[in-house]
Amino acid sequence: VEESSTSKKVMPYVLPILGYFFNK
């Protein structure tokens, strides 16, 4: 996972969504 480039590209989009649900 650390070596995967797709996770580095996807994480900036996924983290705000997760933050929205947890803050809600």
PDB file of all heavy atoms in Angstrom:
ATOM      1  N   VAL A   1       0.842  -1.202   0.000  1.00  0.00           N
ATOM      2  CA  VAL A   1       0.000   0.000   0.000  1.00  0.00           C
ATOM      3  C   VAL A   1       0.869   1.241   0.000  1.00  0.00           C
ATOM      4  O   VAL A   1       0.572   2.218  -0.683  1.00  0.00           O
ATOM      5  CB  VAL A   1      -0.964  -0.015   1.209  1.00  0.00           C
ATOM      6  CG1 VAL A   1      -1.619   1.333   1.398  1.00  0.00           C
ATOM      7  CG2 VAL A   1      -2.008  -1.084   1.025  1.00  0.00           C
ATOM      8  N   GLU A   2       1.951   1.212   0.756  1.00  0.00           N
ATOM      9  CA  GLU A   2       2.846   2.365   0.795  1.00  0.00           C
ATOM     10  C   GLU A   2       3.490   2.592  -0.562  1.00  0.00           C
ATOM     11  O   GLU A   2       3.724   3.733  -0.964  1.00  0.00           O
ATOM     12  CB  GLU A   2       3.926   2.171   1.856  1.00  0.00           C
ATOM     13  CG  GLU A   2       3.415   2.295   3.269  1.00  0.00           C
ATOM     14  CD  GLU A   2       4.484   1.987   4.298  1.00  0.00           C
ATOM     15  OE1 GLU A   2       5.626   1.663   3.900  1.00  0.00           O
ATOM     16  OE2 GLU A   2       4.182   2.057   5.486  1.00  0.00           O
ATOM     17  N   GLU A   3       3.786   1.539  -1.284  1.00  0.00           N
ATOM     18  CA  GLU A   3       4.428   1.657  -2.575  1.00  0.00           C
ATOM     19  C   GLU A   3       3.441   1.969  -3.691  1.00  0.00           C
ATOM     20  O   GLU A   3       3.826   2.389  -4.767  1.00  0.00           O
ATOM     21  CB  GLU A   3       5.171   0.364  -2.912  1.00  0.00           C
ATOM     22  CG  GLU A   3       6.331   0.075  -1.989  1.00  0.00           C
ATOM     23  CD  GLU A   3       6.927  -1.299  -2.219  1.00  0.00           C
ATOM     24  OE1 GLU A   3       6.420  -2.030  -3.092  1.00  0.00           O
ATOM     25  OE2 GLU A   3       7.885  -1.645  -1.515  1.00  0.00           O
ATOM     26  N   SER A   4       2.163   1.784  -3.429  1.00  0.00           N
ATOM     27  CA  SER A   4       1.160   1.963  -4.465  1.00  0.00           C
ATOM     28  C   SER A   4       0.988   3.437  -4.795  1.00  0.00           C
ATOM     29  O   SER A   4       0.762   4.274  -3.917  1.00  0.00           O
ATOM     30  CB  SER A   4      -0.162   1.367  -4.007  1.00  0.00           C
ATOM     31  OG  SER A   4      -1.166   1.658  -4.937  1.00  0.00           O
ATOM     32  N   SER A   5       1.051   3.753  -6.055  1.00  0.00           N
ATOM     33  CA  SER A   5       0.880   5.143  -6.473  1.00  0.00           C
ATOM     34  C   SER A   5      -0.593   5.508  -6.542  1.00  0.00           C
ATOM     35  O   SER A   5      -0.954   6.679  -6.406  1.00  0.00           O
ATOM     36  CB  SER A   5       1.550   5.375  -7.824  1.00  0.00           C
ATOM     37  OG  SER A   5       0.943   4.545  -8.806  1.00  0.00           O
ATOM     38  N   THR A   6      -1.460   4.514  -6.737  1.00  0.00           N
ATOM     39  CA  THR A   6      -2.888   4.821  -6.815  1.00  0.00           C
ATOM     40  C   THR A   6      -3.417   5.283  -5.472  1.00  0.00           C
ATOM     41  O   THR A   6      -4.270   6.160  -5.415  1.00  0.00           O
ATOM     42  CB  THR A   6      -3.685   3.591  -7.281  1.00  0.00           C
ATOM     43  OG1 THR A   6      -3.432   2.502  -6.390  1.00  0.00           O
ATOM     44  CG2 THR A   6      -3.300   3.194  -8.683  1.00  0.00           C
ATOM     45  N   SER A   7      -2.906   4.708  -4.382  1.00  0.00           N
ATOM     46  CA  SER A   7      -3.376   5.153  -3.071  1.00  0.00           C
ATOM     47  C   SER A   7      -2.942   6.587  -2.809  1.00  0.00           C
ATOM     48  O   SER A   7      -3.654   7.349  -2.176  1.00  0.00           O
ATOM     49  CB  SER A   7      -2.866   4.231  -1.976  1.00  0.00           C
ATOM     50  OG  SER A   7      -1.455   4.324  -1.879  1.00  0.00           O
ATOM     51  N   LYS A   8      -1.778   6.975  -3.303  1.00  0.00           N
ATOM     52  CA  LYS A   8      -1.323   8.348  -3.126  1.00  0.00           C
ATOM     53  C   LYS A   8      -2.185   9.312  -3.929  1.00  0.00           C
ATOM     54  O   LYS A   8      -2.398  10.446  -3.519  1.00  0.00           O
ATOM     55  CB  LYS A   8       0.144   8.478  -3.549  1.00  0.00           C
ATOM     56  CG  LYS A   8       1.092   7.766  -2.625  1.00  0.00           C
ATOM     57  CD  LYS A   8       2.518   7.888  -3.099  1.00  0.00           C
ATOM     58  CE  LYS A   8       3.452   7.084  -2.199  1.00  0.00           C
ATOM     59  NZ  LYS A   8       4.826   7.094  -2.692  1.00  0.00           N
ATOM     60  N   LYS A   9      -2.723   8.848  -5.045  1.00  0.00           N
ATOM     61  CA  LYS A   9      -3.581   9.698  -5.859  1.00  0.00           C
ATOM     62  C   LYS A   9      -5.000   9.771  -5.304  1.00  0.00           C
ATOM     63  O   LYS A   9      -5.659  10.800  -5.413  1.00  0.00           O
ATOM     64  CB  LYS A   9      -3.629   9.172  -7.293  1.00  0.00           C
ATOM     65  CG  LYS A   9      -2.321   9.297  -8.031  1.00  0.00           C
ATOM     66  CD  LYS A   9      -2.432   8.697  -9.420  1.00  0.00           C
ATOM     67  CE  LYS A   9      -1.097   8.752 -10.147  1.00  0.00           C
ATOM     68  NZ  LYS A   9      -1.158   8.085 -11.453  1.00  0.00           N
ATOM     69  N   VAL A  10      -5.474   8.693  -4.699  1.00  0.00           N
ATOM     70  CA  VAL A  10      -6.863   8.619  -4.248  1.00  0.00           C
ATOM     71  C   VAL A  10      -7.050   9.209  -2.850  1.00  0.00           C
ATOM     72  O   VAL A  10      -8.091   9.808  -2.561  1.00  0.00           O
ATOM     73  CB  VAL A  10      -7.346   7.148  -4.278  1.00  0.00           C
ATOM     74  CG1 VAL A  10      -8.704   6.985  -3.646  1.00  0.00           C
ATOM     75  CG2 VAL A  10      -7.349   6.641  -5.704  1.00  0.00           C
ATOM     76  N   MET A  11      -6.075   9.071  -1.964  1.00  0.00           N
ATOM     77  CA  MET A  11      -6.229   9.480  -0.563  1.00  0.00           C
ATOM     78  C   MET A  11      -6.607  10.948  -0.390  1.00  0.00           C
ATOM     79  O   MET A  11      -7.426  11.260   0.473  1.00  0.00           O
ATOM     80  CB  MET A  11      -4.959   9.152   0.236  1.00  0.00           C
ATOM     81  CG  MET A  11      -4.765   7.663   0.474  1.00  0.00           C
ATOM     82  SD  MET A  11      -6.185   6.853   1.200  1.00  0.00           S
ATOM     83  CE  MET A  11      -5.988   7.335   2.884  1.00  0.00           C
ATOM     84  N   PRO A  12      -6.086  11.908  -1.176  1.00  0.00           N
ATOM     85  CA  PRO A  12      -6.524  13.298  -0.976  1.00  0.00           C
ATOM     86  C   PRO A  12      -8.011  13.499  -1.232  1.00  0.00           C
ATOM     87  O   PRO A  12      -8.609  14.434  -0.702  1.00  0.00           O
ATOM     88  CB  PRO A  12      -5.676  14.090  -1.983  1.00  0.00           C
ATOM     89  CG  PRO A  12      -4.478  13.257  -2.223  1.00  0.00           C
ATOM     90  CD  PRO A  12      -4.950  11.840  -2.087  1.00  0.00           C
ATOM     91  N   TYR A  13      -8.631  12.630  -2.021  1.00  0.00           N
ATOM     92  CA  TYR A  13     -10.062  12.754  -2.290  1.00  0.00           C
ATOM     93  C   TYR A  13     -10.901  11.998  -1.267  1.00  0.00           C
ATOM     94  O   TYR A  13     -12.027  12.373  -0.975  1.00  0.00           O
ATOM     95  CB  TYR A  13     -10.383  12.239  -3.695  1.00  0.00           C
ATOM     96  CG  TYR A  13      -9.648  13.000  -4.778  1.00  0.00           C
ATOM     97  CD1 TYR A  13      -8.613  12.418  -5.467  1.00  0.00           C
ATOM     98  CD2 TYR A  13      -9.994  14.318  -5.066  1.00  0.00           C
ATOM     99  CE1 TYR A  13      -7.929  13.112  -6.445  1.00  0.00           C
ATOM    100  CE2 TYR A  13      -9.313  15.031  -6.035  1.00  0.00           C
ATOM    101  CZ  TYR A  13      -8.282  14.423  -6.727  1.00  0.00           C
ATOM    102  OH  TYR A  13      -7.617  15.119  -7.685  1.00  0.00           O
ATOM    103  N   VAL A  14     -10.355  10.927  -0.726  1.00  0.00           N
ATOM    104  CA  VAL A  14     -11.111  10.088   0.206  1.00  0.00           C
ATOM    105  C   VAL A  14     -11.101  10.679   1.616  1.00  0.00           C
ATOM    106  O   VAL A  14     -12.115  10.641   2.322  1.00  0.00           O
ATOM    107  CB  VAL A  14     -10.535   8.648   0.215  1.00  0.00           C
ATOM    108  CG1 VAL A  14     -11.171   7.808   1.303  1.00  0.00           C
ATOM    109  CG2 VAL A  14     -10.718   8.004  -1.139  1.00  0.00           C
ATOM    110  N   LEU A  15      -9.990  11.232   2.047  1.00  0.00           N
ATOM    111  CA  LEU A  15      -9.879  11.733   3.416  1.00  0.00           C
ATOM    112  C   LEU A  15     -10.888  12.832   3.743  1.00  0.00           C
ATOM    113  O   LEU A  15     -11.490  12.806   4.821  1.00  0.00           O
ATOM    114  CB  LEU A  15      -8.448  12.199   3.696  1.00  0.00           C
ATOM    115  CG  LEU A  15      -7.427  11.067   3.833  1.00  0.00           C
ATOM    116  CD1 LEU A  15      -6.033  11.647   4.034  1.00  0.00           C
ATOM    117  CD2 LEU A  15      -7.774  10.134   4.961  1.00  0.00           C
ATOM    118  N   PRO A  16     -11.142  13.809   2.879  1.00  0.00           N
ATOM    119  CA  PRO A  16     -12.162  14.809   3.225  1.00  0.00           C
ATOM    120  C   PRO A  16     -13.561  14.216   3.362  1.00  0.00           C
ATOM    121  O   PRO A  16     -14.339  14.643   4.208  1.00  0.00           O
ATOM    122  CB  PRO A  16     -12.102  15.805   2.058  1.00  0.00           C
ATOM    123  CG  PRO A  16     -10.761  15.639   1.480  1.00  0.00           C
ATOM    124  CD  PRO A  16     -10.403  14.206   1.681  1.00  0.00           C
ATOM    125  N   ILE A  17     -13.853  13.198   2.543  1.00  0.00           N
ATOM    126  CA  ILE A  17     -15.174  12.559   2.646  1.00  0.00           C
ATOM    127  C   ILE A  17     -15.298  11.836   3.976  1.00  0.00           C
ATOM    128  O   ILE A  17     -16.321  11.948   4.671  1.00  0.00           O
ATOM    129  CB  ILE A  17     -15.385  11.595   1.458  1.00  0.00           C
ATOM    130  CG1 ILE A  17     -15.420  12.389   0.148  1.00  0.00           C
ATOM    131  CG2 ILE A  17     -16.662  10.787   1.638  1.00  0.00           C
ATOM    132  CD1 ILE A  17     -15.374  11.528  -1.089  1.00  0.00           C
ATOM    133  N   LEU A  18     -14.273  11.106   4.358  1.00  0.00           N
ATOM    134  CA  LEU A  18     -14.299  10.426   5.658  1.00  0.00           C
ATOM    135  C   LEU A  18     -14.372  11.445   6.792  1.00  0.00           C
ATOM    136  O   LEU A  18     -15.096  11.241   7.773  1.00  0.00           O
ATOM    137  CB  LEU A  18     -13.060   9.536   5.822  1.00  0.00           C
ATOM    138  CG  LEU A  18     -12.989   8.303   4.924  1.00  0.00           C
ATOM    139  CD1 LEU A  18     -11.663   7.600   5.117  1.00  0.00           C
ATOM    140  CD2 LEU A  18     -14.130   7.364   5.213  1.00  0.00           C
ATOM    141  N   GLY A  19     -13.627  12.528   6.674  1.00  0.00           N
ATOM    142  CA  GLY A  19     -13.672  13.574   7.699  1.00  0.00           C
ATOM    143  C   GLY A  19     -15.051  14.185   7.818  1.00  0.00           C
ATOM    144  O   GLY A  19     -15.519  14.485   8.921  1.00  0.00           O
ATOM    145  N   TYR A  20     -15.743  14.348   6.714  1.00  0.00           N
ATOM    146  CA  TYR A  20     -17.094  14.900   6.749  1.00  0.00           C
ATOM    147  C   TYR A  20     -18.032  13.991   7.530  1.00  0.00           C
ATOM    148  O   TYR A  20     -18.800  14.445   8.375  1.00  0.00           O
ATOM    149  CB  TYR A  20     -17.612  15.104   5.314  1.00  0.00           C
ATOM    150  CG  TYR A  20     -19.072  15.469   5.265  1.00  0.00           C
ATOM    151  CD1 TYR A  20     -19.496  16.754   5.592  1.00  0.00           C
ATOM    152  CD2 TYR A  20     -20.033  14.530   4.900  1.00  0.00           C
ATOM    153  CE1 TYR A  20     -20.835  17.085   5.551  1.00  0.00           C
ATOM    154  CE2 TYR A  20     -21.370  14.843   4.865  1.00  0.00           C
ATOM    155  CZ  TYR A  20     -21.773  16.135   5.184  1.00  0.00           C
ATOM    156  OH  TYR A  20     -23.102  16.454   5.164  1.00  0.00           O
ATOM    157  N   PHE A  21     -17.966  12.692   7.252  1.00  0.00           N
ATOM    158  CA  PHE A  21     -18.858  11.760   7.946  1.00  0.00           C
ATOM    159  C   PHE A  21     -18.517  11.654   9.425  1.00  0.00           C
ATOM    160  O   PHE A  21     -19.412  11.596  10.265  1.00  0.00           O
ATOM    161  CB  PHE A  21     -18.819  10.378   7.287  1.00  0.00           C
ATOM    162  CG  PHE A  21     -19.562  10.328   5.985  1.00  0.00           C
ATOM    163  CD1 PHE A  21     -18.893  10.058   4.810  1.00  0.00           C
ATOM    164  CD2 PHE A  21     -20.918  10.570   5.935  1.00  0.00           C
ATOM    165  CE1 PHE A  21     -19.563  10.012   3.605  1.00  0.00           C
ATOM    166  CE2 PHE A  21     -21.608  10.528   4.736  1.00  0.00           C
ATOM    167  CZ  PHE A  21     -20.927  10.252   3.561  1.00  0.00           C
ATOM    168  N   PHE A  22     -17.243  11.623   9.775  1.00  0.00           N
ATOM    169  CA  PHE A  22     -16.873  11.508  11.187  1.00  0.00           C
ATOM    170  C   PHE A  22     -17.191  12.790  11.940  1.00  0.00           C
ATOM    171  O   PHE A  22     -17.616  12.753  13.090  1.00  0.00           O
ATOM    172  CB  PHE A  22     -15.404  11.144  11.345  1.00  0.00           C
ATOM    173  CG  PHE A  22     -15.127   9.698  11.047  1.00  0.00           C
ATOM    174  CD1 PHE A  22     -14.257   9.336  10.035  1.00  0.00           C
ATOM    175  CD2 PHE A  22     -15.749   8.700  11.771  1.00  0.00           C
ATOM    176  CE1 PHE A  22     -14.008   8.013   9.756  1.00  0.00           C
ATOM    177  CE2 PHE A  22     -15.512   7.370  11.504  1.00  0.00           C
ATOM    178  CZ  PHE A  22     -14.632   7.022  10.487  1.00  0.00           C
ATOM    179  N   ASN A  23     -17.017  13.937  11.321  1.00  0.00           N
ATOM    180  CA  ASN A  23     -17.368  15.196  11.987  1.00  0.00           C
ATOM    181  C   ASN A  23     -18.861  15.316  12.157  1.00  0.00           C
ATOM    182  O   ASN A  23     -19.338  15.853  13.152  1.00  0.00           O
ATOM    183  CB  ASN A  23     -16.838  16.390  11.186  1.00  0.00           C
ATOM    184  CG  ASN A  23     -15.342  16.539  11.321  1.00  0.00           C
ATOM    185  OD1 ASN A  23     -14.762  16.086  12.302  1.00  0.00           O
ATOM    186  ND2 ASN A  23     -14.725  17.151  10.327  1.00  0.00           N
ATOM    187  N   LYS A  24     -19.621  14.807  11.206  1.00  0.00           N
ATOM    188  CA  LYS A  24     -21.071  14.852  11.307  1.00  0.00           C
ATOM    189  C   LYS A  24     -21.553  14.008  12.479  1.00  0.00           C
ATOM    190  O   LYS A  24     -22.414  14.416  13.242  1.00  0.00           O
ATOM    191  CB  LYS A  24     -21.687  14.357   9.999  1.00  0.00           C
ATOM    192  CG  LYS A  24     -23.181  14.538   9.923  1.00  0.00           C
ATOM    193  CD  LYS A  24     -23.691  14.154   8.547  1.00  0.00           C
ATOM    194  CE  LYS A  24     -25.168  14.426   8.424  1.00  0.00           C
ATOM    195  NZ  LYS A  24     -25.683  14.066   7.109  1.00  0.00           N
TER     196      LYS A  24
END
